[in-house]
């Protein structure tokens, strides 16, 4: 069943946490994303936190101080865990009750302000862990623009394979390689095949990023194995930013006939914050496709899909080279794109994943696929931007680029903006480190 905005997204709400009321704040009271954190260098156990302004509300400390007494025992227990899986396992009514309790406790004039103020930790003093244990990770291919641009490099006369317009294409990705923002990104090595007769084992020369969204799943309704389009929104916990790092030269040699393997399994980076669907409701958008596209199969359609099936989440990619950092120069923006341009919605990805009876568990992760748009400034990976290395581009400081060099810092920032409304998803950041010598 589709969700609609509730009182927790009321634009007139303000918080007693002053930094949450700043213009263009990523984490106003209308957002309230979840993450796993601790004070940096403390050695304390990681715990559940909720971002509010420039602060983090330590939920374990809040519960110990006597706040949130109205929550049920299962919800309170879930908030005391070192991962979000148990929070994701709560049913949708419990998740909404938790969000409502957080909103009431953090809004201006709240009676719990005095109790919760000592439970705030500055984000600048925190370090983060993975939001959840990711049991399974599937990565999709949901942008027609990305698929067309990449397909044209290999099949100029037939860039889109027939199944793309009917199936949300995906592959089983490597859950063990998923890490939180800031985790080391070591240049991978693998088999490379260029013009020589035989491949060589060497460090990747064509390292790339892919700007995606991560979709964290909640528990489906009891007894449900095939999630329907009518029920799918209850099975999605929230969204985060995802960078699906890719070694293009390793990928080119290995991908046929079974698809990517070592070219993607070395690292996937997530933002530390997971934004709930309820926070994203004001940014719902129509689901559109170009004229003449095939009709959706019935199990991937529903009555309100065209009117509000998409979400306008934007992704901005910036690059700061080692030379730029040394000179004190700001990162440069490489692209800005949006989920609403995708050919497939996140709901269709989940439904397709479960359509054969595949079970899903709380904390399972789906990647949206590279979210490129129709313009040069919305190309969400370097494979597209540099035309597979054939079209080098120049950064503002004069450095040339085709693919990533050692010392490059890539940041993908997610946000939603609509008039006065603005919320952030945080960022997924990675610094390219040299390959390990053989």
Protein backbone atom coordinates (compact mmCIF):
# COMPACT_ATOMS: atom_id res chain seq x y z
CA UNK A 1 0.00 0.00 0.00
CA UNK A 2 1.38 3.43 -0.89
CA UNK A 3 2.31 5.84 1.89
CA UNK A 4 1.43 9.51 2.17
CA UNK A 5 3.10 12.34 4.09
CA UNK A 6 2.27 12.45 7.81
CA UNK A 7 2.75 14.98 10.59
CA UNK A 8 6.43 14.05 11.03
CA UNK A 9 7.19 15.71 7.68
CA UNK A 10 5.27 18.91 8.49
CA UNK A 11 7.39 21.75 7.12
CA UNK A 12 6.48 23.93 10.11
CA UNK A 13 8.09 21.61 12.66
CA UNK A 14 11.22 22.91 14.39
CA UNK A 15 13.59 21.20 16.83
CA UNK A 16 15.06 22.18 20.19
CA UNK A 17 18.37 21.06 18.65
CA UNK A 18 19.18 24.45 17.10
CA UNK A 19 21.46 23.18 14.32
CA UNK A 20 18.54 21.15 12.93
CA UNK A 21 16.71 24.38 12.07
CA UNK A 22 19.43 25.79 9.81
CA UNK A 23 18.58 26.37 6.16
CA UNK A 24 19.62 23.50 3.89
CA UNK A 25 20.45 21.32 6.91
CA UNK A 26 20.85 17.67 5.85
CA UNK A 27 19.19 16.38 9.00
CA UNK A 28 16.24 18.57 10.03
CA UNK A 29 13.53 17.17 12.27
CA UNK A 30 11.60 16.10 9.14
CA UNK A 31 14.40 13.62 8.30
CA UNK A 32 15.54 11.59 11.38
CA UNK A 33 17.73 8.96 9.65
CA UNK A 34 19.23 6.00 11.50
CA UNK A 35 22.89 5.02 11.71
CA UNK A 36 25.38 3.09 13.83
CA UNK A 37 28.04 5.14 15.62
CA UNK A 38 30.24 5.70 18.65
CA UNK A 39 32.46 8.52 19.89
CA UNK A 40 35.62 8.46 17.80
CA UNK A 41 38.52 6.78 19.58
CA UNK A 42 36.40 5.83 22.60
CA UNK A 43 36.51 2.08 22.11
CA UNK A 44 32.86 2.00 23.18
CA UNK A 45 30.44 -0.44 21.61
CA UNK A 46 28.75 0.84 18.46
CA UNK A 47 25.11 1.74 18.96
CA UNK A 48 21.99 3.06 17.20
CA UNK A 49 21.91 6.79 16.61
CA UNK A 50 19.49 9.21 14.96
CA UNK A 51 20.90 12.24 13.14
CA UNK A 52 19.41 15.59 14.11
CA UNK A 53 21.10 18.73 12.84
CA UNK A 54 24.84 18.49 13.52
CA UNK A 55 24.23 16.06 16.38
CA UNK A 56 23.46 12.38 16.90
CA UNK A 57 20.89 11.22 19.42
CA UNK A 58 22.35 8.19 21.22
CA UNK A 59 19.31 5.94 21.45
CA UNK A 60 20.85 3.60 24.00
CA UNK A 61 21.59 6.54 26.30
CA UNK A 62 18.13 7.97 25.72
CA UNK A 63 16.45 4.73 26.71
CA UNK A 64 18.66 4.42 29.79
CA UNK A 65 17.65 7.96 30.78
CA UNK A 66 13.98 6.97 30.71
CA UNK A 67 12.95 8.47 27.37
CA UNK A 68 10.63 6.74 24.88
CA UNK A 69 8.77 4.87 27.62
CA UNK A 70 5.71 4.64 25.37
CA UNK A 71 7.41 2.38 22.83
CA UNK A 72 6.68 -1.34 22.94
CA UNK A 73 9.28 -3.69 24.41
CA UNK A 74 10.32 -5.09 21.01
CA UNK A 75 11.07 -1.63 19.63
CA UNK A 76 13.02 -0.64 22.73
CA UNK A 77 15.07 -3.83 22.54
CA UNK A 78 15.81 -3.25 18.85
CA UNK A 79 17.17 0.22 19.62
CA UNK A 80 19.65 -1.27 22.08
CA UNK A 81 21.41 -3.41 19.46
CA UNK A 82 24.74 -2.63 17.71
CA UNK A 83 23.16 -2.95 14.25
CA UNK A 84 19.87 -1.82 12.68
CA UNK A 85 18.71 -5.29 11.60
CA UNK A 86 16.28 -5.61 14.53
CA UNK A 87 14.89 -2.12 13.85
CA UNK A 88 14.45 -3.13 10.20
CA UNK A 89 12.65 -6.28 11.39
CA UNK A 90 9.93 -4.27 13.17
CA UNK A 91 6.63 -4.20 11.34
CA UNK A 92 5.61 -1.02 9.57
CA UNK A 93 3.27 0.12 12.37
CA UNK A 94 6.08 -0.21 14.92
CA UNK A 95 8.50 1.68 12.66
CA UNK A 96 6.01 4.51 12.26
CA UNK A 97 5.35 4.63 16.01
CA UNK A 98 9.10 4.89 16.58
CA UNK A 99 9.43 7.72 14.07
CA UNK A 100 6.49 9.56 15.65
CA UNK A 101 8.05 9.19 19.11
CA UNK A 102 11.38 10.56 17.84
CA UNK A 103 9.66 13.50 16.17
CA UNK A 104 7.70 14.38 19.30
CA UNK A 105 10.76 14.07 21.55
CA UNK A 106 12.98 16.24 19.35
CA UNK A 107 10.54 18.98 18.37
CA UNK A 108 10.53 22.43 19.90
CA UNK A 109 8.90 22.48 23.35
CA UNK A 110 9.20 18.71 23.91
CA UNK A 111 8.99 17.62 27.55
CA UNK A 112 11.83 15.11 27.01
CA UNK A 113 14.33 17.75 25.85
CA UNK A 114 16.03 18.03 29.24
CA UNK A 115 16.40 14.25 29.47
CA UNK A 116 17.72 13.84 25.92
CA UNK A 117 20.06 16.84 25.66
CA UNK A 118 22.90 14.99 27.49
CA UNK A 119 22.40 12.08 25.05
CA UNK A 120 23.50 14.14 22.04
CA UNK A 121 26.90 13.53 20.43
CA UNK A 122 28.36 15.94 17.84
CA UNK A 123 28.67 14.27 14.45
CA UNK A 124 32.15 15.78 14.19
CA UNK A 125 33.19 13.64 17.18
CA UNK A 126 31.69 10.36 15.91
CA UNK A 127 32.89 7.39 13.92
CA UNK A 128 30.54 5.07 12.07
CA UNK A 129 30.04 1.39 11.39
CA UNK A 130 27.89 -0.40 8.84
CA UNK A 131 24.21 0.40 9.43
CA UNK A 132 23.25 -3.27 9.30
CA UNK A 133 24.58 -6.74 8.69
CA UNK A 134 24.02 -7.24 4.96
CA UNK A 135 23.12 -10.87 4.44
CA UNK A 136 22.50 -10.54 0.71
CA UNK A 137 23.24 -7.81 -1.81
CA UNK A 138 21.74 -7.56 -5.31
CA UNK A 139 22.83 -4.83 -7.71
CA UNK A 140 20.43 -3.70 -10.44
CA UNK A 141 20.71 -1.95 -13.80
CA UNK A 142 17.76 0.44 -13.69
CA UNK A 143 18.82 3.49 -15.75
CA UNK A 144 18.01 3.41 -19.46
CA UNK A 145 20.43 6.29 -20.00
CA UNK A 146 23.30 4.39 -18.38
CA UNK A 147 22.42 1.16 -20.16
CA UNK A 148 22.25 2.94 -23.52
CA UNK A 149 25.54 4.79 -23.06
CA UNK A 150 27.40 1.67 -21.96
CA UNK A 151 25.72 -0.62 -24.49
CA UNK A 152 26.63 1.73 -27.34
CA UNK A 153 30.32 1.28 -26.52
CA UNK A 154 30.05 -2.44 -27.24
CA UNK A 155 27.03 -2.68 -29.58
CA UNK A 156 26.66 0.69 -31.38
CA UNK A 157 23.75 -0.52 -33.49
CA UNK A 158 21.96 -2.39 -30.70
CA UNK A 159 22.87 -0.86 -27.31
CA UNK A 160 19.82 -2.12 -25.38
CA UNK A 161 19.20 -5.85 -25.15
CA UNK A 162 15.51 -6.86 -25.44
CA UNK A 163 15.11 -8.04 -21.84
CA UNK A 164 16.04 -4.64 -20.33
CA UNK A 165 12.62 -3.17 -21.15
CA UNK A 166 10.78 -6.03 -19.42
CA UNK A 167 13.03 -7.13 -16.55
CA UNK A 168 14.82 -5.09 -13.87
CA UNK A 169 18.17 -6.71 -14.70
CA UNK A 170 20.42 -7.52 -11.72
CA UNK A 171 23.20 -9.76 -10.45
CA UNK A 172 24.09 -11.21 -7.05
CA UNK A 173 26.76 -8.92 -5.62
CA UNK A 174 29.27 -9.49 -2.84
CA UNK A 175 27.89 -8.60 0.61
CA UNK A 176 31.28 -9.06 2.32
CA UNK A 177 32.74 -6.17 0.29
CA UNK A 178 30.16 -3.62 1.49
CA UNK A 179 31.65 -1.06 3.89
CA UNK A 180 30.71 2.26 5.43
CA UNK A 181 31.91 5.60 4.07
CA UNK A 182 35.61 6.26 4.64
CA UNK A 183 36.68 2.60 4.55
CA UNK A 184 39.95 2.03 2.64
CA UNK A 185 39.61 1.75 -1.13
CA UNK A 186 42.69 -0.11 -2.37
CA UNK A 187 43.17 -0.23 -6.13
CA UNK A 188 42.34 -3.83 -7.08
CA UNK A 189 44.48 -6.14 -9.18
CA UNK A 190 43.20 -8.71 -11.64
CA UNK A 191 43.53 -10.13 -15.10
CA UNK A 192 43.81 -7.45 -17.78
CA UNK A 193 43.59 -8.14 -21.51
CA UNK A 194 44.48 -5.30 -23.83
CA UNK A 195 46.22 -5.72 -27.20
CA UNK A 196 48.63 -8.49 -26.19
CA UNK A 197 47.90 -12.09 -27.06
CA UNK A 198 47.68 -13.16 -23.41
CA UNK A 199 46.18 -11.48 -20.35
CA UNK A 200 48.38 -10.26 -17.50
CA UNK A 201 47.75 -10.02 -13.75
CA UNK A 202 48.30 -6.40 -12.77
CA UNK A 203 46.76 -3.44 -10.91
CA UNK A 204 43.60 -2.06 -12.48
CA UNK A 205 44.22 0.91 -14.78
CA UNK A 206 40.55 1.86 -15.33
CA UNK A 207 39.17 2.33 -11.81
CA UNK A 208 35.69 3.86 -11.73
CA UNK A 209 32.88 4.85 -9.37
CA UNK A 210 29.15 4.34 -9.90
CA UNK A 211 26.69 6.72 -8.24
CA UNK A 212 23.80 4.63 -6.92
CA UNK A 213 21.25 4.46 -4.15
CA UNK A 214 21.16 1.61 -1.68
CA UNK A 215 17.78 0.17 -0.71
CA UNK A 216 17.69 -1.49 2.71
CA UNK A 217 14.88 -4.02 3.04
CA UNK A 218 12.62 -4.53 6.03
CA UNK A 219 10.80 -7.70 6.99
CA UNK A 220 8.00 -8.70 4.62
CA UNK A 221 4.63 -9.52 6.12
CA UNK A 222 4.54 -12.87 7.87
CA UNK A 223 4.03 -15.69 5.40
CA UNK A 224 4.75 -13.50 2.35
CA UNK A 225 7.46 -14.76 0.00
CA UNK A 226 6.42 -12.99 -3.19
CA UNK A 227 6.04 -9.28 -2.42
CA UNK A 228 3.36 -7.55 -4.50
CA UNK A 229 3.42 -4.00 -5.87
CA UNK A 230 0.53 -3.17 -3.53
CA UNK A 231 2.49 -4.25 -0.41
CA UNK A 232 6.08 -3.53 -1.45
CA UNK A 233 6.50 -0.19 0.31
CA UNK A 234 6.05 -1.87 3.69
CA UNK A 235 9.03 -4.11 2.81
CA UNK A 236 11.44 -1.21 2.22
CA UNK A 237 13.10 0.26 5.32
CA UNK A 238 14.93 3.15 3.71
CA UNK A 239 17.56 4.51 1.34
CA UNK A 240 21.24 5.37 1.57
CA UNK A 241 23.96 6.49 -0.84
CA UNK A 242 25.92 3.69 -2.54
CA UNK A 243 29.15 3.75 -4.58
CA UNK A 244 29.62 0.55 -6.56
CA UNK A 245 33.33 0.86 -7.33
CA UNK A 246 34.23 -0.92 -10.58
CA UNK A 247 37.47 -1.99 -12.28
CA UNK A 248 36.49 -1.50 -15.93
CA UNK A 249 39.51 -3.24 -17.46
CA UNK A 250 39.06 -6.31 -15.25
CA UNK A 251 35.33 -6.22 -16.05
CA UNK A 252 35.92 -6.06 -19.80
CA UNK A 253 37.93 -9.31 -19.80
CA UNK A 254 35.87 -11.31 -17.29
CA UNK A 255 32.22 -10.35 -17.79
CA UNK A 256 31.23 -12.84 -20.52
CA UNK A 257 29.31 -15.07 -20.18
CA UNK A 258 28.26 -14.78 -16.51
CA UNK A 259 28.70 -11.08 -15.77
CA UNK A 260 31.01 -9.13 -13.42
CA UNK A 261 32.94 -10.85 -10.64
CA UNK A 262 36.33 -9.57 -9.41
CA UNK A 263 35.74 -6.26 -11.16
CA UNK A 264 33.13 -5.33 -8.53
CA UNK A 265 33.70 -7.56 -5.50
CA UNK A 266 36.58 -5.56 -3.98
CA UNK A 267 34.52 -2.72 -2.43
CA UNK A 268 31.07 -1.14 -2.27
CA UNK A 269 30.77 1.98 -0.12
CA UNK A 270 27.63 3.12 1.73
CA UNK A 271 26.75 6.36 3.48
CA UNK A 272 26.38 5.84 7.25
CA UNK A 273 22.78 7.12 7.40
CA UNK A 274 19.61 5.32 6.27
CA UNK A 275 16.68 7.63 5.51
CA UNK A 276 13.24 6.11 6.08
CA UNK A 277 10.55 6.02 3.43
CA UNK A 278 8.34 8.20 5.61
CA UNK A 279 10.90 11.01 5.47
CA UNK A 280 11.00 10.70 1.67
CA UNK A 281 7.24 10.89 1.08
CA UNK A 282 7.13 14.64 0.30
CA UNK A 283 9.57 14.02 -2.56
CA UNK A 284 7.47 11.46 -4.42
CA UNK A 285 7.37 12.08 -8.16
CA UNK A 286 5.62 10.69 -11.25
CA UNK A 287 7.02 7.56 -12.89
CA UNK A 288 7.56 8.28 -16.56
CA UNK A 289 9.00 6.49 -19.56
CA UNK A 290 9.72 7.57 -23.14
CA UNK A 291 6.93 7.23 -25.69
CA UNK A 292 6.64 3.86 -27.37
CA UNK A 293 8.06 1.76 -24.53
CA UNK A 294 6.47 -1.67 -23.91
CA UNK A 295 3.64 -1.96 -21.40
CA UNK A 296 4.59 -3.16 -17.93
CA UNK A 297 3.79 -6.75 -17.08
CA UNK A 298 0.90 -6.75 -14.57
CA UNK A 299 2.95 -7.91 -11.57
CA UNK A 300 5.27 -4.87 -11.99
CA UNK A 301 2.44 -2.33 -12.19
CA UNK A 302 -0.13 -0.74 -9.89
CA UNK A 303 -2.77 1.96 -10.06
CA UNK A 304 -0.77 4.89 -8.63
CA UNK A 305 2.61 4.01 -10.15
CA UNK A 306 2.47 6.64 -12.88
CA UNK A 307 1.37 9.44 -10.54
CA UNK A 308 3.80 8.87 -7.64
CA UNK A 309 5.96 5.82 -8.30
CA UNK A 310 9.30 7.63 -8.24
CA UNK A 311 11.23 9.55 -5.58
CA UNK A 312 13.26 12.62 -6.51
CA UNK A 313 16.51 11.77 -4.72
CA UNK A 314 19.51 13.55 -6.21
CA UNK A 315 23.10 12.30 -6.26
CA UNK A 316 26.04 14.68 -6.60
CA UNK A 317 29.51 13.28 -7.35
CA UNK A 318 32.61 15.30 -6.49
CA UNK A 319 36.29 14.59 -7.07
CA UNK A 320 39.24 16.03 -5.17
CA UNK A 321 42.66 14.94 -6.40
CA UNK A 322 45.79 14.74 -4.24
CA UNK A 323 47.10 17.82 -6.05
CA UNK A 324 43.89 19.74 -5.30
CA UNK A 325 44.07 18.84 -1.59
CA UNK A 326 47.72 19.91 -1.39
CA UNK A 327 46.81 23.27 -2.93
CA UNK A 328 43.80 23.72 -0.64
CA UNK A 329 41.40 23.58 -3.60
CA UNK A 330 37.79 22.50 -3.16
CA UNK A 331 36.46 19.31 -4.80
CA UNK A 332 34.97 19.70 -8.27
CA UNK A 333 31.48 18.48 -9.16
CA UNK A 334 31.52 15.77 -11.83
CA UNK A 335 27.79 15.05 -12.07
CA UNK A 336 24.35 15.52 -10.55
CA UNK A 337 21.62 13.00 -11.34
CA UNK A 338 18.30 11.83 -9.88
CA UNK A 339 16.51 8.60 -9.09
CA UNK A 340 13.35 9.88 -10.78
CA UNK A 341 15.04 9.49 -14.19
CA UNK A 342 15.42 5.72 -13.68
CA UNK A 343 13.61 3.35 -16.05
CA UNK A 344 12.64 1.11 -13.12
CA UNK A 345 11.35 2.18 -9.69
CA UNK A 346 12.77 0.81 -6.45
CA UNK A 347 9.40 -0.92 -5.87
CA UNK A 348 9.78 -2.91 -9.09
CA UNK A 349 13.29 -3.95 -8.08
CA UNK A 350 12.02 -5.47 -4.82
CA UNK A 351 9.03 -7.15 -6.48
CA UNK A 352 11.24 -8.63 -9.20
CA UNK A 353 13.75 -9.87 -6.59
CA UNK A 354 11.01 -11.84 -4.82
CA UNK A 355 8.90 -12.81 -7.85
CA UNK A 356 10.34 -16.34 -7.98
CA UNK A 357 9.82 -16.88 -4.25
CA UNK A 358 13.28 -15.63 -3.25
CA UNK A 359 13.18 -14.85 0.49
CA UNK A 360 14.27 -11.44 1.74
CA UNK A 361 15.50 -10.62 5.22
CA UNK A 362 15.78 -7.38 7.23
CA UNK A 363 19.07 -5.75 6.27
CA UNK A 364 19.24 -7.18 2.77
CA UNK A 365 20.55 -4.57 0.35
CA UNK A 366 19.63 -3.70 -3.23
CA UNK A 367 21.66 -1.34 -5.39
CA UNK A 368 19.72 0.85 -7.80
CA UNK A 369 22.37 0.63 -10.49
CA UNK A 370 24.23 3.63 -11.88
CA UNK A 371 21.76 6.53 -11.91
CA UNK A 372 22.81 8.44 -15.01
CA UNK A 373 20.51 10.99 -16.59
CA UNK A 374 19.99 12.39 -20.09
CA UNK A 375 22.62 15.16 -20.02
CA UNK A 376 26.42 15.32 -20.02
CA UNK A 377 26.33 16.71 -16.47
CA UNK A 378 24.27 13.75 -15.22
CA UNK A 379 26.58 10.92 -16.33
CA UNK A 380 27.09 9.03 -13.08
CA UNK A 381 30.33 7.13 -13.83
CA UNK A 382 33.61 7.75 -15.63
CA UNK A 383 33.01 4.97 -18.15
CA UNK A 384 30.31 7.21 -19.62
CA UNK A 385 31.96 10.57 -18.94
CA UNK A 386 35.28 9.58 -20.60
CA UNK A 387 33.73 7.36 -23.28
CA UNK A 388 35.63 4.34 -21.91
CA UNK A 389 38.83 6.39 -21.73
CA UNK A 390 38.69 7.64 -25.32
CA UNK A 391 37.64 11.19 -24.34
CA UNK A 392 39.85 12.56 -21.55
CA UNK A 393 38.46 15.57 -19.70
CA UNK A 394 40.26 18.32 -17.82
CA UNK A 395 39.64 19.26 -14.19
CA UNK A 396 39.49 22.94 -13.15
CA UNK A 397 43.12 22.83 -11.95
CA UNK A 398 44.31 21.54 -15.34
CA UNK A 399 44.75 17.87 -14.42
CA UNK A 400 43.50 15.41 -17.07
CA UNK A 401 41.32 12.43 -16.16
CA UNK A 402 39.77 9.42 -17.82
CA UNK A 403 39.58 7.11 -14.80
CA UNK A 404 40.55 7.43 -11.14
CA UNK A 405 44.15 7.93 -10.06
CA UNK A 406 45.72 7.05 -6.71
CA UNK A 407 45.01 9.82 -4.21
CA UNK A 408 41.66 10.75 -5.77
CA UNK A 409 38.90 11.34 -3.20
CA UNK A 410 35.42 10.54 -4.53
CA UNK A 411 32.36 11.72 -2.60
CA UNK A 412 28.78 10.91 -3.59
CA UNK A 413 26.25 13.03 -1.72
CA UNK A 414 22.52 12.32 -1.65
CA UNK A 415 19.79 14.87 -1.02
CA UNK A 416 16.18 15.80 -1.77
CA UNK A 417 15.22 19.40 -2.52
CA UNK A 418 11.82 20.80 -3.42
CA UNK A 419 11.22 24.49 -2.78
CA UNK A 420 11.56 25.05 0.95
CA UNK A 421 11.90 21.34 1.66
CA UNK A 422 15.37 19.84 1.94
CA UNK A 423 16.78 16.68 3.52
CA UNK A 424 20.10 14.92 3.08
CA UNK A 425 21.10 11.27 2.88
CA UNK A 426 24.70 11.92 3.88
CA UNK A 427 27.60 10.87 1.67
CA UNK A 428 29.63 7.85 0.60
CA UNK A 429 33.31 8.76 0.46
CA UNK A 430 36.38 6.83 -0.64
CA UNK A 431 40.06 7.72 -1.08
CA UNK A 432 41.85 5.68 -3.76
CA UNK A 433 44.95 4.02 -2.33
CA UNK A 434 47.72 2.32 -4.35
CA UNK A 435 47.43 -1.35 -5.25
CA UNK A 436 49.08 -3.88 -2.95
CA UNK A 437 52.36 -4.98 -4.50
CA UNK A 438 52.44 -8.62 -5.57
